[in-house]
Amino acid sequence: MRKDIHPENYRLVAFKDMSNDEVFLTKSTANTKETLEVEGVEYPLVKLEISRTSHPFYTGKSKLIDTAGRIDKFKNKYAKFKK
């Protein structure tokens, strides 16, 4: 195996699922400028659009998440082809 290819600066990071406000802590090297306080301790924050707590495969529930207006953008883009 090759040596010295993996980062050494792992630290605890808070990952927040923005669709359901679930927060979990894990070690990561992800760069971030935001922080979040969890149980009185401040951690770097990484925001996620979807995670295991909100993904339909893991939850067994279908849920339409349209955070950026993607459906409206699609309809507007292809409205000119409508007969």
PDB file of N, CA and C in Angstrom:
ATOM      1  N   MET A   1       0.834  -1.178   0.000  1.00  0.00           N
ATOM      2  CA  MET A   1       0.000   0.000   0.000  1.00  0.00           C
ATOM      3  C   MET A   1       0.880   1.243   0.000  1.00  0.00           C
ATOM      4  N   ARG A   2       0.394   2.301  -0.650  1.00  0.00           N
ATOM      5  CA  ARG A   2       1.145   3.547  -0.702  1.00  0.00           C
ATOM      6  C   ARG A   2       1.031   4.285   0.618  1.00  0.00           C
ATOM      7  N   LYS A   3       2.111   4.878   1.026  1.00  0.00           N
ATOM      8  CA  LYS A   3       2.134   5.617   2.284  1.00  0.00           C
ATOM      9  C   LYS A   3       1.944   7.101   2.030  1.00  0.00           C
ATOM     10  N   ASP A   4       1.469   7.817   3.060  1.00  0.00           N
ATOM     11  CA  ASP A   4       1.337   9.277   3.055  1.00  0.00           C
ATOM     12  C   ASP A   4       0.384   9.807   1.983  1.00  0.00           C
ATOM     13  N   ILE A   5      -0.681   9.055   1.659  1.00  0.00           N
ATOM     14  CA  ILE A   5      -1.656   9.556   0.698  1.00  0.00           C
ATOM     15  C   ILE A   5      -2.962   9.977   1.364  1.00  0.00           C
ATOM     16  N   HIS A   6      -3.140   9.628   2.626  1.00  0.00           N
ATOM     17  CA  HIS A   6      -4.366   9.970   3.335  1.00  0.00           C
ATOM     18  C   HIS A   6      -4.148  11.188   4.230  1.00  0.00           C
ATOM     19  N   PRO A   7      -5.165  12.052   4.354  1.00  0.00           N
ATOM     20  CA  PRO A   7      -5.005  13.251   5.190  1.00  0.00           C
ATOM     21  C   PRO A   7      -4.862  12.891   6.668  1.00  0.00           C
ATOM     22  N   GLU A   8      -4.199  13.748   7.379  1.00  0.00           N
ATOM     23  CA  GLU A   8      -3.955  13.530   8.808  1.00  0.00           C
ATOM     24  C   GLU A   8      -4.855  14.399   9.683  1.00  0.00           C
ATOM     25  N   ASN A   9      -5.559  15.375   9.105  1.00  0.00           N
ATOM     26  CA  ASN A   9      -6.285  16.361   9.901  1.00  0.00           C
ATOM     27  C   ASN A   9      -7.767  16.015  10.096  1.00  0.00           C
ATOM     28  N   TYR A  10      -8.072  14.778  10.440  1.00  0.00           N
ATOM     29  CA  TYR A  10      -9.456  14.406  10.742  1.00  0.00           C
ATOM     30  C   TYR A  10      -9.887  15.047  12.056  1.00  0.00           C
ATOM     31  N   ARG A  11     -11.132  15.541  12.090  1.00  0.00           N
ATOM     32  CA  ARG A  11     -11.685  16.130  13.309  1.00  0.00           C
ATOM     33  C   ARG A  11     -13.180  15.860  13.301  1.00  0.00           C
ATOM     34  N   LEU A  12     -13.831  16.021  14.452  1.00  0.00           N
ATOM     35  CA  LEU A  12     -15.272  15.840  14.515  1.00  0.00           C
ATOM     36  C   LEU A  12     -15.965  16.997  13.809  1.00  0.00           C
ATOM     37  N   VAL A  13     -16.929  16.667  12.953  1.00  0.00           N
ATOM     38  CA  VAL A  13     -17.673  17.648  12.176  1.00  0.00           C
ATOM     39  C   VAL A  13     -19.153  17.342  12.316  1.00  0.00           C
ATOM     40  N   ALA A  14     -19.983  18.378  12.440  1.00  0.00           N
ATOM     41  CA  ALA A  14     -21.436  18.215  12.496  1.00  0.00           C
ATOM     42  C   ALA A  14     -21.987  18.298  11.084  1.00  0.00           C
ATOM     43  N   PHE A  15     -22.736  17.284  10.670  1.00  0.00           N
ATOM     44  CA  PHE A  15     -23.427  17.271   9.380  1.00  0.00           C
ATOM     45  C   PHE A  15     -24.903  17.478   9.656  1.00  0.00           C
ATOM     46  N   LYS A  16     -25.518  18.472   8.993  1.00  0.00           N
ATOM     47  CA  LYS A  16     -26.921  18.793   9.227  1.00  0.00           C
ATOM     48  C   LYS A  16     -27.720  18.582   7.953  1.00  0.00           C
ATOM     49  N   ASP A  17     -28.749  17.744   8.036  1.00  0.00           N
ATOM     50  CA  ASP A  17     -29.672  17.511   6.928  1.00  0.00           C
ATOM     51  C   ASP A  17     -30.666  18.663   6.932  1.00  0.00           C
ATOM     52  N   MET A  18     -30.639  19.498   5.890  1.00  0.00           N
ATOM     53  CA  MET A  18     -31.464  20.693   5.853  1.00  0.00           C
ATOM     54  C   MET A  18     -32.942  20.393   5.599  1.00  0.00           C
ATOM     55  N   SER A  19     -33.279  19.184   5.123  1.00  0.00           N
ATOM     56  CA  SER A  19     -34.681  18.864   4.853  1.00  0.00           C
ATOM     57  C   SER A  19     -35.438  18.472   6.116  1.00  0.00           C
ATOM     58  N   ASN A  20     -34.724  17.980   7.149  1.00  0.00           N
ATOM     59  CA  ASN A  20     -35.421  17.601   8.379  1.00  0.00           C
ATOM     60  C   ASN A  20     -34.683  18.037   9.646  1.00  0.00           C
ATOM     61  N   ASP A  21     -33.645  18.845   9.510  1.00  0.00           N
ATOM     62  CA  ASP A  21     -32.872  19.397  10.625  1.00  0.00           C
ATOM     63  C   ASP A  21     -32.210  18.346  11.511  1.00  0.00           C
ATOM     64  N   GLU A  22     -31.983  17.154  11.007  1.00  0.00           N
ATOM     65  CA  GLU A  22     -31.276  16.103  11.743  1.00  0.00           C
ATOM     66  C   GLU A  22     -29.785  16.421  11.715  1.00  0.00           C
ATOM     67  N   VAL A  23     -29.096  16.259  12.846  1.00  0.00           N
ATOM     68  CA  VAL A  23     -27.670  16.540  12.958  1.00  0.00           C
ATOM     69  C   VAL A  23     -26.958  15.286  13.435  1.00  0.00           C
ATOM     70  N   PHE A  24     -25.835  14.952  12.799  1.00  0.00           N
ATOM     71  CA  PHE A  24     -25.018  13.843  13.288  1.00  0.00           C
ATOM     72  C   PHE A  24     -23.555  14.238  13.219  1.00  0.00           C
ATOM     73  N   LEU A  25     -22.775  13.663  14.099  1.00  0.00           N
ATOM     74  CA  LEU A  25     -21.347  13.962  14.200  1.00  0.00           C
ATOM     75  C   LEU A  25     -20.538  12.795  13.658  1.00  0.00           C
ATOM     76  N   THR A  26     -19.492  13.125  12.922  1.00  0.00           N
ATOM     77  CA  THR A  26     -18.563  12.119  12.435  1.00  0.00           C
ATOM     78  C   THR A  26     -17.233  12.789  12.138  1.00  0.00           C
ATOM     79  N   LYS A  27     -16.200  11.999  12.002  1.00  0.00           N
ATOM     80  CA  LYS A  27     -14.895  12.559  11.678  1.00  0.00           C
ATOM     81  C   LYS A  27     -14.824  12.849  10.194  1.00  0.00           C
ATOM     82  N   SER A  28     -14.210  13.991   9.841  1.00  0.00           N
ATOM     83  CA  SER A  28     -14.110  14.408   8.455  1.00  0.00           C
ATOM     84  C   SER A  28     -12.968  15.400   8.300  1.00  0.00           C
ATOM     85  N   THR A  29     -12.555  15.589   7.052  1.00  0.00           N
ATOM     86  CA  THR A  29     -11.572  16.617   6.725  1.00  0.00           C
ATOM     87  C   THR A  29     -12.217  17.734   5.919  1.00  0.00           C
ATOM     88  N   ALA A  30     -13.543  17.730   5.796  1.00  0.00           N
ATOM     89  CA  ALA A  30     -14.265  18.728   4.999  1.00  0.00           C
ATOM     90  C   ALA A  30     -14.002  20.137   5.521  1.00  0.00           C
ATOM     91  N   ASN A  31     -13.734  21.054   4.592  1.00  0.00           N
ATOM     92  CA  ASN A  31     -13.517  22.454   4.950  1.00  0.00           C
ATOM     93  C   ASN A  31     -14.852  23.171   5.054  1.00  0.00           C
ATOM     94  N   THR A  32     -15.008  23.999   6.073  1.00  0.00           N
ATOM     95  CA  THR A  32     -16.232  24.762   6.254  1.00  0.00           C
ATOM     96  C   THR A  32     -15.940  26.006   7.071  1.00  0.00           C
ATOM     97  N   LYS A  33     -16.749  27.039   6.861  1.00  0.00           N
ATOM     98  CA  LYS A  33     -16.582  28.280   7.614  1.00  0.00           C
ATOM     99  C   LYS A  33     -17.637  28.424   8.699  1.00  0.00           C
ATOM    100  N   GLU A  34     -18.708  27.618   8.628  1.00  0.00           N
ATOM    101  CA  GLU A  34     -19.789  27.708   9.597  1.00  0.00           C
ATOM    102  C   GLU A  34     -19.559  26.739  10.746  1.00  0.00           C
ATOM    103  N   THR A  35     -20.153  27.062  11.898  1.00  0.00           N
ATOM    104  CA  THR A  35     -20.075  26.182  13.060  1.00  0.00           C
ATOM    105  C   THR A  35     -21.470  25.968  13.628  1.00  0.00           C
ATOM    106  N   LEU A  36     -21.596  24.922  14.427  1.00  0.00           N
ATOM    107  CA  LEU A  36     -22.862  24.591  15.074  1.00  0.00           C
ATOM    108  C   LEU A  36     -22.559  24.068  16.469  1.00  0.00           C
ATOM    109  N   GLU A  37     -23.348  24.507  17.440  1.00  0.00           N
ATOM    110  CA  GLU A  37     -23.167  24.046  18.808  1.00  0.00           C
ATOM    111  C   GLU A  37     -24.058  22.830  19.047  1.00  0.00           C
ATOM    112  N   VAL A  38     -23.436  21.723  19.464  1.00  0.00           N
ATOM    113  CA  VAL A  38     -24.151  20.488  19.763  1.00  0.00           C
ATOM    114  C   VAL A  38     -23.778  20.072  21.182  1.00  0.00           C
ATOM    115  N   GLU A  39     -24.766  20.035  22.062  1.00  0.00           N
ATOM    116  CA  GLU A  39     -24.585  19.660  23.469  1.00  0.00           C
ATOM    117  C   GLU A  39     -23.478  20.480  24.134  1.00  0.00           C
ATOM    118  N   GLY A  40     -23.455  21.761  23.851  1.00  0.00           N
ATOM    119  CA  GLY A  40     -22.518  22.672  24.498  1.00  0.00           C
ATOM    120  C   GLY A  40     -21.138  22.730  23.870  1.00  0.00           C
ATOM    121  N   VAL A  41     -20.888  21.968  22.822  1.00  0.00           N
ATOM    122  CA  VAL A  41     -19.591  21.966  22.153  1.00  0.00           C
ATOM    123  C   VAL A  41     -19.786  22.476  20.728  1.00  0.00           C
ATOM    124  N   GLU A  42     -18.888  23.345  20.273  1.00  0.00           N
ATOM    125  CA  GLU A  42     -18.993  23.922  18.934  1.00  0.00           C
ATOM    126  C   GLU A  42     -18.194  23.083  17.936  1.00  0.00           C
ATOM    127  N   TYR A  43     -18.854  22.719  16.817  1.00  0.00           N
ATOM    128  CA  TYR A  43     -18.242  21.895  15.780  1.00  0.00           C
ATOM    129  C   TYR A  43     -18.339  22.615  14.428  1.00  0.00           C
ATOM    130  N   PRO A  44     -17.411  22.323  13.500  1.00  0.00           N
ATOM    131  CA  PRO A  44     -17.575  22.821  12.140  1.00  0.00           C
ATOM    132  C   PRO A  44     -18.852  22.214  11.545  1.00  0.00           C
ATOM    133  N   LEU A  45     -19.561  22.958  10.706  1.00  0.00           N
ATOM    134  CA  LEU A  45     -20.850  22.521  10.167  1.00  0.00           C
ATOM    135  C   LEU A  45     -20.784  22.316   8.664  1.00  0.00           C
ATOM    136  N   VAL A  46     -21.292  21.163   8.211  1.00  0.00           N
ATOM    137  CA  VAL A  46     -21.464  20.877   6.792  1.00  0.00           C
ATOM    138  C   VAL A  46     -22.953  20.649   6.575  1.00  0.00           C
ATOM    139  N   LYS A  47     -23.556  21.413   5.645  1.00  0.00           N
ATOM    140  CA  LYS A  47     -24.982  21.299   5.376  1.00  0.00           C
ATOM    141  C   LYS A  47     -25.215  20.314   4.232  1.00  0.00           C
ATOM    142  N   LEU A  48     -26.202  19.426   4.424  1.00  0.00           N
ATOM    143  CA  LEU A  48     -26.554  18.426   3.422  1.00  0.00           C
ATOM    144  C   LEU A  48     -27.979  18.653   2.945  1.00  0.00           C
ATOM    145  N   GLU A  49     -28.251  18.387   1.680  1.00  0.00           N
ATOM    146  CA  GLU A  49     -29.624  18.478   1.174  1.00  0.00           C
ATOM    147  C   GLU A  49     -30.399  17.219   1.524  1.00  0.00           C
ATOM    148  N   ILE A  50     -29.714  16.085   1.566  1.00  0.00           N
ATOM    149  CA  ILE A  50     -30.376  14.819   1.850  1.00  0.00           C
ATOM    150  C   ILE A  50     -29.373  13.893   2.538  1.00  0.00           C
ATOM    151  N   SER A  51     -29.846  13.096   3.465  1.00  0.00           N
ATOM    152  CA  SER A  51     -28.986  12.147   4.168  1.00  0.00           C
ATOM    153  C   SER A  51     -29.778  10.868   4.400  1.00  0.00           C
ATOM    154  N   ARG A  52     -29.216   9.959   5.171  1.00  0.00           N
ATOM    155  CA  ARG A  52     -29.896   8.684   5.433  1.00  0.00           C
ATOM    156  C   ARG A  52     -31.199   8.885   6.199  1.00  0.00           C
ATOM    157  N   THR A  53     -31.346  10.000   6.902  1.00  0.00           N
ATOM    158  CA  THR A  53     -32.572  10.231   7.680  1.00  0.00           C
ATOM    159  C   THR A  53     -33.708  10.800   6.843  1.00  0.00           C
ATOM    160  N   SER A  54     -33.405  11.220   5.600  1.00  0.00           N
ATOM    161  CA  SER A  54     -34.467  11.775   4.759  1.00  0.00           C
ATOM    162  C   SER A  54     -34.544  11.122   3.377  1.00  0.00           C
ATOM    163  N   HIS A  55     -33.601  10.269   3.024  1.00  0.00           N
ATOM    164  CA  HIS A  55     -33.601   9.636   1.706  1.00  0.00           C
ATOM    165  C   HIS A  55     -34.681   8.556   1.642  1.00  0.00           C
ATOM    166  N   PRO A  56     -35.500   8.555   0.586  1.00  0.00           N
ATOM    167  CA  PRO A  56     -36.597   7.585   0.481  1.00  0.00           C
ATOM    168  C   PRO A  56     -36.145   6.134   0.542  1.00  0.00           C
ATOM    169  N   PHE A  57     -34.956   5.805   0.066  1.00  0.00           N
ATOM    170  CA  PHE A  57     -34.479   4.428   0.114  1.00  0.00           C
ATOM    171  C   PHE A  57     -34.349   3.940   1.554  1.00  0.00           C
ATOM    172  N   TYR A  58     -33.861   4.798   2.436  1.00  0.00           N
ATOM    173  CA  TYR A  58     -33.645   4.412   3.830  1.00  0.00           C
ATOM    174  C   TYR A  58     -34.894   4.572   4.692  1.00  0.00           C
ATOM    175  N   THR A  59     -35.733   5.555   4.365  1.00  0.00           N
ATOM    176  CA  THR A  59     -36.913   5.811   5.190  1.00  0.00           C
ATOM    177  C   THR A  59     -38.110   5.005   4.738  1.00  0.00           C
ATOM    178  N   GLY A  60     -38.141   4.576   3.478  1.00  0.00           N
ATOM    179  CA  GLY A  60     -39.280   3.838   2.953  1.00  0.00           C
ATOM    180  C   GLY A  60     -40.453   4.734   2.593  1.00  0.00           C
ATOM    181  N   LYS A  61     -40.252   6.037   2.627  1.00  0.00           N
ATOM    182  CA  LYS A  61     -41.310   6.994   2.321  1.00  0.00           C
ATOM    183  C   LYS A  61     -40.905   7.828   1.122  1.00  0.00           C
ATOM    184  N   SER A  62     -41.834   7.994   0.191  1.00  0.00           N
ATOM    185  CA  SER A  62     -41.573   8.891  -0.938  1.00  0.00           C
ATOM    186  C   SER A  62     -41.872  10.313  -0.519  1.00  0.00           C
ATOM    187  N   LYS A  63     -40.975  11.206  -0.877  1.00  0.00           N
ATOM    188  CA  LYS A  63     -41.150  12.602  -0.508  1.00  0.00           C
ATOM    189  C   LYS A  63     -40.551  13.451  -1.620  1.00  0.00           C
ATOM    190  N   LEU A  64     -41.314  14.392  -2.123  1.00  0.00           N
ATOM    191  CA  LEU A  64     -40.833  15.274  -3.167  1.00  0.00           C
ATOM    192  C   LEU A  64     -40.169  16.478  -2.514  1.00  0.00           C
ATOM    193  N   ILE A  65     -38.886  16.636  -2.789  1.00  0.00           N
ATOM    194  CA  ILE A  65     -38.142  17.773  -2.257  1.00  0.00           C
ATOM    195  C   ILE A  65     -37.761  18.659  -3.435  1.00  0.00           C
ATOM    196  N   ASP A  66     -38.296  19.847  -3.477  1.00  0.00           N
ATOM    197  CA  ASP A  66     -38.012  20.793  -4.551  1.00  0.00           C
ATOM    198  C   ASP A  66     -37.409  22.046  -3.936  1.00  0.00           C
ATOM    199  N   THR A  67     -36.151  21.956  -3.528  1.00  0.00           N
ATOM    200  CA  THR A  67     -35.517  23.055  -2.806  1.00  0.00           C
ATOM    201  C   THR A  67     -35.123  24.208  -3.707  1.00  0.00           C
ATOM    202  N   ALA A  68     -34.864  23.938  -4.971  1.00  0.00           N
ATOM    203  CA  ALA A  68     -34.374  25.002  -5.845  1.00  0.00           C
ATOM    204  C   ALA A  68     -35.361  25.344  -6.952  1.00  0.00           C
ATOM    205  N   GLY A  69     -36.609  24.909  -6.843  1.00  0.00           N
ATOM    206  CA  GLY A  69     -37.590  25.190  -7.880  1.00  0.00           C
ATOM    207  C   GLY A  69     -37.293  24.456  -9.173  1.00  0.00           C
ATOM    208  N   ARG A  70     -36.719  23.274  -9.079  1.00  0.00           N
ATOM    209  CA  ARG A  70     -36.283  22.531 -10.260  1.00  0.00           C
ATOM    210  C   ARG A  70     -37.447  22.158 -11.169  1.00  0.00           C
ATOM    211  N   ILE A  71     -38.574  21.830 -10.585  1.00  0.00           N
ATOM    212  CA  ILE A  71     -39.730  21.438 -11.392  1.00  0.00           C
ATOM    213  C   ILE A  71     -40.227  22.620 -12.207  1.00  0.00           C
ATOM    214  N   ASP A  72     -40.321  23.788 -11.586  1.00  0.00           N
ATOM    215  CA  ASP A  72     -40.752  24.990 -12.306  1.00  0.00           C
ATOM    216  C   ASP A  72     -39.767  25.371 -13.404  1.00  0.00           C
ATOM    217  N   LYS A  73     -38.471  25.250 -13.123  1.00  0.00           N
ATOM    218  CA  LYS A  73     -37.462  25.555 -14.131  1.00  0.00           C
ATOM    219  C   LYS A  73     -37.601  24.618 -15.330  1.00  0.00           C
ATOM    220  N   PHE A  74     -37.845  23.331 -15.056  1.00  0.00           N
ATOM    221  CA  PHE A  74     -38.012  22.358 -16.132  1.00  0.00           C
ATOM    222  C   PHE A  74     -39.234  22.687 -16.980  1.00  0.00           C
ATOM    223  N   LYS A  75     -40.348  22.978 -16.317  1.00  0.00           N
ATOM    224  CA  LYS A  75     -41.577  23.297 -17.045  1.00  0.00           C
ATOM    225  C   LYS A  75     -41.417  24.545 -17.898  1.00  0.00           C
ATOM    226  N   ASN A  76     -40.779  25.577 -17.370  1.00  0.00           N
ATOM    227  CA  ASN A  76     -40.559  26.808 -18.123  1.00  0.00           C
ATOM    228  C   ASN A  76     -39.619  26.579 -19.316  1.00  0.00           C
ATOM    229  N   LYS A  77     -38.609  25.766 -19.114  1.00  0.00           N
ATOM    230  CA  LYS A  77     -37.637  25.517 -20.169  1.00  0.00           C
ATOM    231  C   LYS A  77     -38.273  24.791 -21.361  1.00  0.00           C
ATOM    232  N   TYR A  78     -39.141  23.828 -21.080  1.00  0.00           N
ATOM    233  CA  TYR A  78     -39.724  23.018 -22.148  1.00  0.00           C
ATOM    234  C   TYR A  78     -41.151  23.429 -22.527  1.00  0.00           C
ATOM    235  N   ALA A  79     -41.630  24.554 -22.026  1.00  0.00           N
ATOM    236  CA  ALA A  79     -42.961  25.038 -22.387  1.00  0.00           C
ATOM    237  C   ALA A  79     -43.030  25.444 -23.853  1.00  0.00           C
ATOM    238  N   LYS A  80     -41.908  25.880 -24.413  1.00  0.00           N
ATOM    239  CA  LYS A  80     -41.892  26.310 -25.816  1.00  0.00           C
ATOM    240  C   LYS A  80     -42.102  25.158 -26.796  1.00  0.00           C
ATOM    241  N   PHE A  81     -41.857  23.914 -26.347  1.00  0.00           N
ATOM    242  CA  PHE A  81     -42.043  22.744 -27.205  1.00  0.00           C
ATOM    243  C   PHE A  81     -43.476  22.188 -27.128  1.00  0.00           C
ATOM    244  N   LYS A  82     -44.263  22.751 -26.231  1.00  0.00           N
ATOM    245  CA  LYS A  82     -45.625  22.280 -26.029  1.00  0.00           C
ATOM    246  C   LYS A  82     -46.469  22.600 -27.263  1.00  0.00           C
ATOM    247  N   LYS A  83     -47.277  21.656 -27.696  1.00  0.00           N
ATOM    248  CA  LYS A  83     -48.122  21.861 -28.895  1.00  0.00           C
ATOM    249  C   LYS A  83     -49.430  22.469 -28.561  1.00  0.00           C
TER     250      LYS A  83
END
